Amino acid sequence: MARQRLPWDESLLRDARWAAQEAVCRVLEAAQGTLERARAMKKKGGWNVGQVLRPLGHAVKAAFAVHQFAGGLAAKPTALASELVAETVHFARMADPQWLRHFKLGA
């Protein structure tokens, strides 16, 4: 479609990119809700690693796919994705303390 340079091509692509950005925001916010529920479960004494890491992993994969499609992420999805990556590493380390031991986030 982009090769033909029809007048509506750019508008369609811009709308699709915007919709992808909004969709990834919703996915990342849902994953943050999962984190909050996991924290509440941990305070009660138990939590399931799979229930926490699976949604976080899906959210990070979705953010990467949208980043590739849209040519980057807007400010809000970038902040949400950065926080979720840090939380994913945190919860993975809680499950296995040796996981990603030699790497530092933000370095």
PDB file of N, CA and C in Angstrom:
ATOM      1  N   MET A   1       0.810  -1.189   0.000  1.00  0.00           N
ATOM      2  CA  MET A   1       0.000   0.000   0.000  1.00  0.00           C
ATOM      3  C   MET A   1       0.858   1.260   0.000  1.00  0.00           C
ATOM      4  N   ALA A   2       1.922   1.257   0.733  1.00  0.00           N
ATOM      5  CA  ALA A   2       2.741   2.465   0.855  1.00  0.00           C
ATOM      6  C   ALA A   2       3.447   2.808  -0.453  1.00  0.00           C
ATOM      7  N   ARG A   3       3.636   1.823  -1.318  1.00  0.00           N
ATOM      8  CA  ARG A   3       4.331   2.096  -2.585  1.00  0.00           C
ATOM      9  C   ARG A   3       3.500   2.942  -3.539  1.00  0.00           C
ATOM     10  N   GLN A   4       2.199   2.788  -3.496  1.00  0.00           N
ATOM     11  CA  GLN A   4       1.338   3.500  -4.434  1.00  0.00           C
ATOM     12  C   GLN A   4       1.190   4.974  -4.088  1.00  0.00           C
ATOM     13  N   ARG A   5       1.438   5.331  -2.844  1.00  0.00           N
ATOM     14  CA  ARG A   5       1.330   6.717  -2.365  1.00  0.00           C
ATOM     15  C   ARG A   5      -0.043   7.318  -2.644  1.00  0.00           C
ATOM     16  N   LEU A   6      -1.060   6.536  -2.373  1.00  0.00           N
ATOM     17  CA  LEU A   6      -2.412   7.054  -2.485  1.00  0.00           C
ATOM     18  C   LEU A   6      -2.654   8.016  -1.330  1.00  0.00           C
ATOM     19  N   PRO A   7      -3.520   9.010  -1.502  1.00  0.00           N
ATOM     20  CA  PRO A   7      -3.698  10.032  -0.462  1.00  0.00           C
ATOM     21  C   PRO A   7      -4.123   9.465   0.890  1.00  0.00           C
ATOM     22  N   TRP A   8      -4.872   8.379   0.898  1.00  0.00           N
ATOM     23  CA  TRP A   8      -5.361   7.854   2.169  1.00  0.00           C
ATOM     24  C   TRP A   8      -4.386   6.867   2.806  1.00  0.00           C
ATOM     25  N   ASP A   9      -3.337   6.488   2.088  1.00  0.00           N
ATOM     26  CA  ASP A   9      -2.372   5.534   2.637  1.00  0.00           C
ATOM     27  C   ASP A   9      -1.747   6.033   3.932  1.00  0.00           C
ATOM     28  N   GLU A  10      -1.242   7.236   3.909  1.00  0.00           N
ATOM     29  CA  GLU A  10      -0.566   7.773   5.091  1.00  0.00           C
ATOM     30  C   GLU A  10      -1.538   7.900   6.256  1.00  0.00           C
ATOM     31  N   SER A  11      -2.758   8.282   5.974  1.00  0.00           N
ATOM     32  CA  SER A  11      -3.760   8.406   7.028  1.00  0.00           C
ATOM     33  C   SER A  11      -4.087   7.041   7.636  1.00  0.00           C
ATOM     34  N   LEU A  12      -4.233   6.028   6.795  1.00  0.00           N
ATOM     35  CA  LEU A  12      -4.511   4.682   7.303  1.00  0.00           C
ATOM     36  C   LEU A  12      -3.366   4.165   8.161  1.00  0.00           C
ATOM     37  N   LEU A  13      -2.150   4.359   7.701  1.00  0.00           N
ATOM     38  CA  LEU A  13      -0.989   3.906   8.472  1.00  0.00           C
ATOM     39  C   LEU A  13      -0.874   4.654   9.794  1.00  0.00           C
ATOM     40  N   ARG A  14      -1.113   5.953   9.771  1.00  0.00           N
ATOM     41  CA  ARG A  14      -1.050   6.747  11.001  1.00  0.00           C
ATOM     42  C   ARG A  14      -2.119   6.272  11.995  1.00  0.00           C
ATOM     43  N   ASP A  15      -3.335   6.010  11.492  1.00  0.00           N
ATOM     44  CA  ASP A  15      -4.404   5.526  12.368  1.00  0.00           C
ATOM     45  C   ASP A  15      -4.084   4.141  12.928  1.00  0.00           C
ATOM     46  N   ALA A  16      -3.520   3.273  12.100  1.00  0.00           N
ATOM     47  CA  ALA A  16      -3.155   1.931  12.571  1.00  0.00           C
ATOM     48  C   ALA A  16      -2.060   2.006  13.631  1.00  0.00           C
ATOM     49  N   ARG A  17      -1.099   2.881  13.426  1.00  0.00           N
ATOM     50  CA  ARG A  17      -0.029   3.043  14.422  1.00  0.00           C
ATOM     51  C   ARG A  17      -0.577   3.605  15.730  1.00  0.00           C
ATOM     52  N   TRP A  18      -1.479   4.571  15.635  1.00  0.00           N
ATOM     53  CA  TRP A  18      -2.086   5.139  16.841  1.00  0.00           C
ATOM     54  C   TRP A  18      -2.882   4.071  17.585  1.00  0.00           C
ATOM     55  N   ALA A  19      -3.667   3.275  16.841  1.00  0.00           N
ATOM     56  CA  ALA A  19      -4.462   2.216  17.471  1.00  0.00           C
ATOM     57  C   ALA A  19      -3.559   1.185  18.142  1.00  0.00           C
ATOM     58  N   ALA A  20      -2.439   0.867  17.514  1.00  0.00           N
ATOM     59  CA  ALA A  20      -1.497  -0.082  18.115  1.00  0.00           C
ATOM     60  C   ALA A  20      -0.915   0.482  19.406  1.00  0.00           C
ATOM     61  N   GLN A  21      -0.596   1.771  19.421  1.00  0.00           N
ATOM     62  CA  GLN A  21      -0.069   2.409  20.637  1.00  0.00           C
ATOM     63  C   GLN A  21      -1.104   2.344  21.762  1.00  0.00           C
ATOM     64  N   GLU A  22      -2.363   2.631  21.436  1.00  0.00           N
ATOM     65  CA  GLU A  22      -3.421   2.580  22.448  1.00  0.00           C
ATOM     66  C   GLU A  22      -3.637   1.154  22.946  1.00  0.00           C
ATOM     67  N   ALA A  23      -3.600   0.192  22.026  1.00  0.00           N
ATOM     68  CA  ALA A  23      -3.795  -1.206  22.424  1.00  0.00           C
ATOM     69  C   ALA A  23      -2.685  -1.677  23.348  1.00  0.00           C
ATOM     70  N   VAL A  24      -1.448  -1.316  23.036  1.00  0.00           N
ATOM     71  CA  VAL A  24      -0.347  -1.760  23.893  1.00  0.00           C
ATOM     72  C   VAL A  24      -0.431  -1.082  25.256  1.00  0.00           C
ATOM     73  N   CYS A  25      -0.934   0.133  25.321  1.00  0.00           N
ATOM     74  CA  CYS A  25      -1.145   0.780  26.628  1.00  0.00           C
ATOM     75  C   CYS A  25      -2.123  -0.033  27.465  1.00  0.00           C
ATOM     76  N   ARG A  26      -3.199  -0.503  26.846  1.00  0.00           N
ATOM     77  CA  ARG A  26      -4.193  -1.301  27.575  1.00  0.00           C
ATOM     78  C   ARG A  26      -3.582  -2.621  28.055  1.00  0.00           C
ATOM     79  N   VAL A  27      -2.789  -3.259  27.203  1.00  0.00           N
ATOM     80  CA  VAL A  27      -2.151  -4.525  27.589  1.00  0.00           C
ATOM     81  C   VAL A  27      -1.186  -4.300  28.745  1.00  0.00           C
ATOM     82  N   LEU A  28      -0.399  -3.244  28.673  1.00  0.00           N
ATOM     83  CA  LEU A  28       0.561  -2.950  29.736  1.00  0.00           C
ATOM     84  C   LEU A  28      -0.148  -2.593  31.041  1.00  0.00           C
ATOM     85  N   GLU A  29      -1.256  -1.861  30.953  1.00  0.00           N
ATOM     86  CA  GLU A  29      -2.015  -1.531  32.157  1.00  0.00           C
ATOM     87  C   GLU A  29      -2.642  -2.780  32.771  1.00  0.00           C
ATOM     88  N   ALA A  30      -3.102  -3.710  31.924  1.00  0.00           N
ATOM     89  CA  ALA A  30      -3.640  -4.972  32.444  1.00  0.00           C
ATOM     90  C   ALA A  30      -2.550  -5.772  33.150  1.00  0.00           C
ATOM     91  N   ALA A  31      -1.351  -5.760  32.602  1.00  0.00           N
ATOM     92  CA  ALA A  31      -0.236  -6.462  33.243  1.00  0.00           C
ATOM     93  C   ALA A  31       0.117  -5.808  34.575  1.00  0.00           C
ATOM     94  N   GLN A  32       0.006  -4.486  34.651  1.00  0.00           N
ATOM     95  CA  GLN A  32       0.251  -3.817  35.932  1.00  0.00           C
ATOM     96  C   GLN A  32      -0.800  -4.214  36.966  1.00  0.00           C
ATOM     97  N   GLY A  33      -2.021  -4.409  36.525  1.00  0.00           N
ATOM     98  CA  GLY A  33      -3.057  -4.902  37.430  1.00  0.00           C
ATOM     99  C   GLY A  33      -2.707  -6.285  37.960  1.00  0.00           C
ATOM    100  N   THR A  34      -2.136  -7.116  37.100  1.00  0.00           N
ATOM    101  CA  THR A  34      -1.674  -8.433  37.527  1.00  0.00           C
ATOM    102  C   THR A  34      -0.598  -8.306  38.594  1.00  0.00           C
ATOM    103  N   LEU A  35       0.305  -7.351  38.412  1.00  0.00           N
ATOM    104  CA  LEU A  35       1.357  -7.124  39.411  1.00  0.00           C
ATOM    105  C   LEU A  35       0.764  -6.733  40.758  1.00  0.00           C
ATOM    106  N   GLU A  36      -0.208  -5.853  40.735  1.00  0.00           N
ATOM    107  CA  GLU A  36      -0.818  -5.407  41.988  1.00  0.00           C
ATOM    108  C   GLU A  36      -1.523  -6.555  42.695  1.00  0.00           C
ATOM    109  N   ARG A  37      -2.212  -7.410  41.929  1.00  0.00           N
ATOM    110  CA  ARG A  37      -2.853  -8.578  42.535  1.00  0.00           C
ATOM    111  C   ARG A  37      -1.808  -9.537  43.092  1.00  0.00           C
ATOM    112  N   ALA A  38      -0.678  -9.681  42.393  1.00  0.00           N
ATOM    113  CA  ALA A  38       0.387 -10.567  42.869  1.00  0.00           C
ATOM    114  C   ALA A  38       0.990 -10.044  44.167  1.00  0.00           C
ATOM    115  N   ARG A  39       1.166  -8.739  44.251  1.00  0.00           N
ATOM    116  CA  ARG A  39       1.692  -8.160  45.498  1.00  0.00           C
ATOM    117  C   ARG A  39       0.732  -8.409  46.662  1.00  0.00           C
ATOM    118  N   ALA A  40      -0.562  -8.283  46.404  1.00  0.00           N
ATOM    119  CA  ALA A  40      -1.551  -8.538  47.455  1.00  0.00           C
ATOM    120  C   ALA A  40      -1.526 -10.009  47.868  1.00  0.00           C
ATOM    121  N   MET A  41      -1.379 -10.909  46.892  1.00  0.00           N
ATOM    122  CA  MET A  41      -1.309 -12.335  47.202  1.00  0.00           C
ATOM    123  C   MET A  41      -0.040 -12.658  47.978  1.00  0.00           C
ATOM    124  N   LYS A  42       1.059 -11.996  47.639  1.00  0.00           N
ATOM    125  CA  LYS A  42       2.322 -12.254  48.324  1.00  0.00           C
ATOM    126  C   LYS A  42       2.223 -11.838  49.789  1.00  0.00           C
ATOM    127  N   LYS A  43       1.540 -10.723  50.035  1.00  0.00           N
ATOM    128  CA  LYS A  43       1.370 -10.266  51.418  1.00  0.00           C
ATOM    129  C   LYS A  43       0.543 -11.262  52.227  1.00  0.00           C
ATOM    130  N   LYS A  44      -0.377 -11.961  51.549  1.00  0.00           N
ATOM    131  CA  LYS A  44      -1.197 -12.960  52.233  1.00  0.00           C
ATOM    132  C   LYS A  44      -0.426 -14.262  52.452  1.00  0.00           C
ATOM    133  N   GLY A  45       0.714 -14.401  51.801  1.00  0.00           N
ATOM    134  CA  GLY A  45       1.536 -15.571  52.062  1.00  0.00           C
ATOM    135  C   GLY A  45       1.782 -16.494  50.887  1.00  0.00           C
ATOM    136  N   GLY A  46       1.184 -16.260  49.736  1.00  0.00           N
ATOM    137  CA  GLY A  46       1.434 -17.156  48.612  1.00  0.00           C
ATOM    138  C   GLY A  46       1.099 -16.519  47.281  1.00  0.00           C
ATOM    139  N   TRP A  47       1.875 -16.891  46.270  1.00  0.00           N
ATOM    140  CA  TRP A  47       1.590 -16.420  44.922  1.00  0.00           C
ATOM    141  C   TRP A  47       2.143 -17.436  43.941  1.00  0.00           C
ATOM    142  N   ASN A  48       1.556 -17.482  42.776  1.00  0.00           N
ATOM    143  CA  ASN A  48       1.941 -18.436  41.749  1.00  0.00           C
ATOM    144  C   ASN A  48       2.830 -17.729  40.737  1.00  0.00           C
ATOM    145  N   VAL A  49       4.018 -18.266  40.532  1.00  0.00           N
ATOM    146  CA  VAL A  49       4.987 -17.636  39.629  1.00  0.00           C
ATOM    147  C   VAL A  49       4.430 -17.519  38.215  1.00  0.00           C
ATOM    148  N   GLY A  50       3.794 -18.575  37.726  1.00  0.00           N
ATOM    149  CA  GLY A  50       3.264 -18.562  36.368  1.00  0.00           C
ATOM    150  C   GLY A  50       2.190 -17.512  36.160  1.00  0.00           C
ATOM    151  N   GLN A  51       1.353 -17.317  37.173  1.00  0.00           N
ATOM    152  CA  GLN A  51       0.294 -16.319  37.061  1.00  0.00           C
ATOM    153  C   GLN A  51       0.855 -14.910  36.999  1.00  0.00           C
ATOM    154  N   VAL A  52       2.044 -14.711  37.511  1.00  0.00           N
ATOM    155  CA  VAL A  52       2.660 -13.387  37.501  1.00  0.00           C
ATOM    156  C   VAL A  52       3.499 -13.193  36.248  1.00  0.00           C
ATOM    157  N   LEU A  53       4.391 -14.124  35.968  1.00  0.00           N
ATOM    158  CA  LEU A  53       5.346 -13.933  34.873  1.00  0.00           C
ATOM    159  C   LEU A  53       4.721 -14.071  33.490  1.00  0.00           C
ATOM    160  N   ARG A  54       3.710 -14.917  33.341  1.00  0.00           N
ATOM    161  CA  ARG A  54       3.113 -15.110  32.019  1.00  0.00           C
ATOM    162  C   ARG A  54       2.497 -13.819  31.472  1.00  0.00           C
ATOM    163  N   PRO A  55       1.630 -13.119  32.215  1.00  0.00           N
ATOM    164  CA  PRO A  55       1.089 -11.853  31.685  1.00  0.00           C
ATOM    165  C   PRO A  55       2.158 -10.785  31.475  1.00  0.00           C
ATOM    166  N   LEU A  56       3.162 -10.759  32.338  1.00  0.00           N
ATOM    167  CA  LEU A  56       4.238  -9.785  32.163  1.00  0.00           C
ATOM    168  C   LEU A  56       5.022 -10.074  30.891  1.00  0.00           C
ATOM    169  N   GLY A  57       5.302 -11.330  30.653  1.00  0.00           N
ATOM    170  CA  GLY A  57       6.013 -11.704  29.430  1.00  0.00           C
ATOM    171  C   GLY A  57       5.223 -11.360  28.181  1.00  0.00           C
ATOM    172  N   HIS A  58       3.908 -11.638  28.209  1.00  0.00           N
ATOM    173  CA  HIS A  58       3.061 -11.297  27.062  1.00  0.00           C
ATOM    174  C   HIS A  58       3.025  -9.787  26.835  1.00  0.00           C
ATOM    175  N   ALA A  59       2.976  -9.030  27.906  1.00  0.00           N
ATOM    176  CA  ALA A  59       2.930  -7.568  27.779  1.00  0.00           C
ATOM    177  C   ALA A  59       4.219  -7.024  27.184  1.00  0.00           C
ATOM    178  N   VAL A  60       5.350  -7.556  27.619  1.00  0.00           N
ATOM    179  CA  VAL A  60       6.635  -7.095  27.079  1.00  0.00           C
ATOM    180  C   VAL A  60       6.754  -7.474  25.607  1.00  0.00           C
ATOM    181  N   LYS A  61       6.294  -8.670  25.240  1.00  0.00           N
ATOM    182  CA  LYS A  61       6.314  -9.081  23.827  1.00  0.00           C
ATOM    183  C   LYS A  61       5.404  -8.182  22.986  1.00  0.00           C
ATOM    184  N   ALA A  62       4.230  -7.844  23.521  1.00  0.00           N
ATOM    185  CA  ALA A  62       3.311  -6.959  22.796  1.00  0.00           C
ATOM    186  C   ALA A  62       3.928  -5.585  22.604  1.00  0.00           C
ATOM    187  N   ALA A  63       4.588  -5.075  23.635  1.00  0.00           N
ATOM    188  CA  ALA A  63       5.235  -3.763  23.518  1.00  0.00           C
ATOM    189  C   ALA A  63       6.325  -3.796  22.458  1.00  0.00           C
ATOM    190  N   PHE A  64       7.086  -4.879  22.401  1.00  0.00           N
ATOM    191  CA  PHE A  64       8.139  -4.983  21.393  1.00  0.00           C
ATOM    192  C   PHE A  64       7.543  -5.046  19.988  1.00  0.00           C
ATOM    193  N   ALA A  65       6.463  -5.817  19.822  1.00  0.00           N
ATOM    194  CA  ALA A  65       5.831  -5.926  18.503  1.00  0.00           C
ATOM    195  C   ALA A  65       5.294  -4.575  18.036  1.00  0.00           C
ATOM    196  N   VAL A  66       4.654  -3.831  18.926  1.00  0.00           N
ATOM    197  CA  VAL A  66       4.140  -2.506  18.561  1.00  0.00           C
ATOM    198  C   VAL A  66       5.296  -1.558  18.274  1.00  0.00           C
ATOM    199  N   HIS A  67       6.355  -1.657  19.050  1.00  0.00           N
ATOM    200  CA  HIS A  67       7.544  -0.828  18.811  1.00  0.00           C
ATOM    201  C   HIS A  67       8.073  -1.072  17.401  1.00  0.00           C
ATOM    202  N   GLN A  68       8.126  -2.325  16.977  1.00  0.00           N
ATOM    203  CA  GLN A  68       8.602  -2.645  15.638  1.00  0.00           C
ATOM    204  C   GLN A  68       7.637  -2.134  14.569  1.00  0.00           C
ATOM    205  N   PHE A  69       6.335  -2.297  14.790  1.00  0.00           N
ATOM    206  CA  PHE A  69       5.339  -1.894  13.802  1.00  0.00           C
ATOM    207  C   PHE A  69       5.247  -0.379  13.668  1.00  0.00           C
ATOM    208  N   ALA A  70       5.199   0.304  14.790  1.00  0.00           N
ATOM    209  CA  ALA A  70       4.957   1.746  14.780  1.00  0.00           C
ATOM    210  C   ALA A  70       6.237   2.560  14.657  1.00  0.00           C
ATOM    211  N   GLY A  71       7.378   1.917  14.684  1.00  0.00           N
ATOM    212  CA  GLY A  71       8.629   2.655  14.587  1.00  0.00           C
ATOM    213  C   GLY A  71       9.007   3.328  15.891  1.00  0.00           C
ATOM    214  N   GLY A  72       8.570   2.763  16.995  1.00  0.00           N
ATOM    215  CA  GLY A  72       8.869   3.325  18.312  1.00  0.00           C
ATOM    216  C   GLY A  72       7.606   3.394  19.141  1.00  0.00           C
ATOM    217  N   LEU A  73       7.766   3.745  20.384  1.00  0.00           N
ATOM    218  CA  LEU A  73       6.626   3.886  21.285  1.00  0.00           C
ATOM    219  C   LEU A  73       6.504   5.336  21.726  1.00  0.00           C
ATOM    220  N   ALA A  74       5.287   5.740  22.008  1.00  0.00           N
ATOM    221  CA  ALA A  74       5.049   7.073  22.558  1.00  0.00           C
ATOM    222  C   ALA A  74       5.528   7.099  24.010  1.00  0.00           C
ATOM    223  N   ALA A  75       5.428   8.243  24.644  1.00  0.00           N
ATOM    224  CA  ALA A  75       5.962   8.412  26.005  1.00  0.00           C
ATOM    225  C   ALA A  75       5.258   7.515  27.023  1.00  0.00           C
ATOM    226  N   LYS A  76       3.937   7.449  26.978  1.00  0.00           N
ATOM    227  CA  LYS A  76       3.207   6.656  27.974  1.00  0.00           C
ATOM    228  C   LYS A  76       3.515   5.163  27.856  1.00  0.00           C
ATOM    229  N   PRO A  77       3.423   4.562  26.656  1.00  0.00           N
ATOM    230  CA  PRO A  77       3.776   3.139  26.569  1.00  0.00           C
ATOM    231  C   PRO A  77       5.236   2.863  26.917  1.00  0.00           C
ATOM    232  N   THR A  78       6.124   3.800  26.612  1.00  0.00           N
ATOM    233  CA  THR A  78       7.535   3.613  26.949  1.00  0.00           C
ATOM    234  C   THR A  78       7.720   3.542  28.455  1.00  0.00           C
ATOM    235  N   ALA A  79       7.073   4.438  29.180  1.00  0.00           N
ATOM    236  CA  ALA A  79       7.183   4.429  30.644  1.00  0.00           C
ATOM    237  C   ALA A  79       6.582   3.157  31.229  1.00  0.00           C
ATOM    238  N   LEU A  80       5.419   2.747  30.722  1.00  0.00           N
ATOM    239  CA  LEU A  80       4.783   1.525  31.213  1.00  0.00           C
ATOM    240  C   LEU A  80       5.647   0.303  30.923  1.00  0.00           C
ATOM    241  N   ALA A  81       6.199   0.231  29.713  1.00  0.00           N
ATOM    242  CA  ALA A  81       7.029  -0.918  29.341  1.00  0.00           C
ATOM    243  C   ALA A  81       8.302  -0.969  30.176  1.00  0.00           C
ATOM    244  N   SER A  82       8.922   0.162  30.421  1.00  0.00           N
ATOM    245  CA  SER A  82      10.142   0.188  31.235  1.00  0.00           C
ATOM    246  C   SER A  82       9.867  -0.313  32.646  1.00  0.00           C
ATOM    247  N   GLU A  83       8.761   0.131  33.212  1.00  0.00           N
ATOM    248  CA  GLU A  83       8.401  -0.316  34.559  1.00  0.00           C
ATOM    249  C   GLU A  83       8.113  -1.815  34.580  1.00  0.00           C
ATOM    250  N   LEU A  84       7.406  -2.302  33.551  1.00  0.00           N
ATOM    251  CA  LEU A  84       7.076  -3.721  33.521  1.00  0.00           C
ATOM    252  C   LEU A  84       8.306  -4.599  33.320  1.00  0.00           C
ATOM    253  N   VAL A  85       9.259  -4.147  32.528  1.00  0.00           N
ATOM    254  CA  VAL A  85      10.489  -4.920  32.358  1.00  0.00           C
ATOM    255  C   VAL A  85      11.210  -5.034  33.696  1.00  0.00           C
ATOM    256  N   ALA A  86      11.301  -3.937  34.423  1.00  0.00           N
ATOM    257  CA  ALA A  86      11.952  -3.970  35.737  1.00  0.00           C
ATOM    258  C   ALA A  86      11.199  -4.891  36.695  1.00  0.00           C
ATOM    259  N   GLU A  87       9.876  -4.835  36.679  1.00  0.00           N
ATOM    260  CA  GLU A  87       9.080  -5.690  37.561  1.00  0.00           C
ATOM    261  C   GLU A  87       9.181  -7.152  37.154  1.00  0.00           C
ATOM    262  N   THR A  88       9.240  -7.428  35.846  1.00  0.00           N
ATOM    263  CA  THR A  88       9.388  -8.802  35.380  1.00  0.00           C
ATOM    264  C   THR A  88      10.689  -9.388  35.892  1.00  0.00           C
ATOM    265  N   VAL A  89      11.763  -8.627  35.806  1.00  0.00           N
ATOM    266  CA  VAL A  89      13.054  -9.083  36.322  1.00  0.00           C
ATOM    267  C   VAL A  89      12.955  -9.301  37.830  1.00  0.00           C
ATOM    268  N   HIS A  90      12.284  -8.404  38.540  1.00  0.00           N
ATOM    269  CA  HIS A  90      12.135  -8.526  39.991  1.00  0.00           C
ATOM    270  C   HIS A  90      11.405  -9.818  40.357  1.00  0.00           C
ATOM    271  N   PHE A  91      10.256 -10.075  39.711  1.00  0.00           N
ATOM    272  CA  PHE A  91       9.490 -11.270  40.035  1.00  0.00           C
ATOM    273  C   PHE A  91      10.220 -12.535  39.595  1.00  0.00           C
ATOM    274  N   ALA A  92      10.948 -12.483  38.484  1.00  0.00           N
ATOM    275  CA  ALA A  92      11.720 -13.649  38.055  1.00  0.00           C
ATOM    276  C   ALA A  92      12.831 -13.947  39.057  1.00  0.00           C
ATOM    277  N   ARG A  93      13.448 -12.918  39.592  1.00  0.00           N
ATOM    278  CA  ARG A  93      14.489 -13.125  40.610  1.00  0.00           C
ATOM    279  C   ARG A  93      13.894 -13.683  41.896  1.00  0.00           C
ATOM    280  N   MET A  94      12.663 -13.292  42.215  1.00  0.00           N
ATOM    281  CA  MET A  94      12.017 -13.858  43.403  1.00  0.00           C
ATOM    282  C   MET A  94      11.797 -15.353  43.212  1.00  0.00           C
ATOM    283  N   ALA A  95      11.462 -15.761  41.985  1.00  0.00           N
ATOM    284  CA  ALA A  95      11.236 -17.172  41.702  1.00  0.00           C
ATOM    285  C   ALA A  95      12.548 -17.943  41.657  1.00  0.00           C
ATOM    286  N   ASP A  96      13.595 -17.335  41.082  1.00  0.00           N
ATOM    287  CA  ASP A  96      14.902 -17.974  40.961  1.00  0.00           C
ATOM    288  C   ASP A  96      15.965 -16.911  41.200  1.00  0.00           C
ATOM    289  N   PRO A  97      16.560 -16.858  42.379  1.00  0.00           N
ATOM    290  CA  PRO A  97      17.518 -15.795  42.705  1.00  0.00           C
ATOM    291  C   PRO A  97      18.738 -15.746  41.784  1.00  0.00           C
ATOM    292  N   GLN A  98      19.056 -16.826  41.096  1.00  0.00           N
ATOM    293  CA  GLN A  98      20.218 -16.840  40.204  1.00  0.00           C
ATOM    294  C   GLN A  98      19.902 -16.257  38.821  1.00  0.00           C
ATOM    295  N   TRP A  99      18.609 -16.017  38.537  1.00  0.00           N
ATOM    296  CA  TRP A  99      18.207 -15.572  37.210  1.00  0.00           C
ATOM    297  C   TRP A  99      18.692 -14.150  36.948  1.00  0.00           C
ATOM    298  N   LEU A 100      19.386 -13.950  35.872  1.00  0.00           N
ATOM    299  CA  LEU A 100      19.866 -12.646  35.416  1.00  0.00           C
ATOM    300  C   LEU A 100      20.704 -11.949  36.493  1.00  0.00           C
ATOM    301  N   ARG A 101      21.483 -12.732  37.214  1.00  0.00           N
ATOM    302  CA  ARG A 101      22.236 -12.200  38.342  1.00  0.00           C
ATOM    303  C   ARG A 101      23.349 -11.255  37.916  1.00  0.00           C
ATOM    304  N   HIS A 102      23.927 -11.486  36.750  1.00  0.00           N
ATOM    305  CA  HIS A 102      25.105 -10.728  36.344  1.00  0.00           C
ATOM    306  C   HIS A 102      24.776  -9.428  35.616  1.00  0.00           C
ATOM    307  N   PHE A 103      23.506  -9.148  35.408  1.00  0.00           N
ATOM    308  CA  PHE A 103      23.132  -7.953  34.661  1.00  0.00           C
ATOM    309  C   PHE A 103      22.481  -6.938  35.583  1.00  0.00           C
ATOM    310  N   LYS A 104      22.681  -5.675  35.276  1.00  0.00           N
ATOM    311  CA  LYS A 104      22.057  -4.605  36.053  1.00  0.00           C
ATOM    312  C   LYS A 104      21.104  -3.839  35.157  1.00  0.00           C
ATOM    313  N   LEU A 105      19.938  -3.518  35.668  1.00  0.00           N
ATOM    314  CA  LEU A 105      18.991  -2.708  34.902  1.00  0.00           C
ATOM    315  C   LEU A 105      19.399  -1.252  34.962  1.00  0.00           C
ATOM    316  N   GLY A 106      19.226  -0.575  33.863  1.00  0.00           N
ATOM    317  CA  GLY A 106      19.513   0.850  33.814  1.00  0.00           C
ATOM    318  C   GLY A 106      20.987   1.184  33.709  1.00  0.00           C
ATOM    319  N   ALA A 107      21.816   0.183  33.536  1.00  0.00           N
ATOM    320  CA  ALA A 107      23.256   0.452  33.441  1.00  0.00           C
ATOM    321  C   ALA A 107      23.669   0.724  32.023  1.00  0.00           C
TER     322      ALA A 107
END
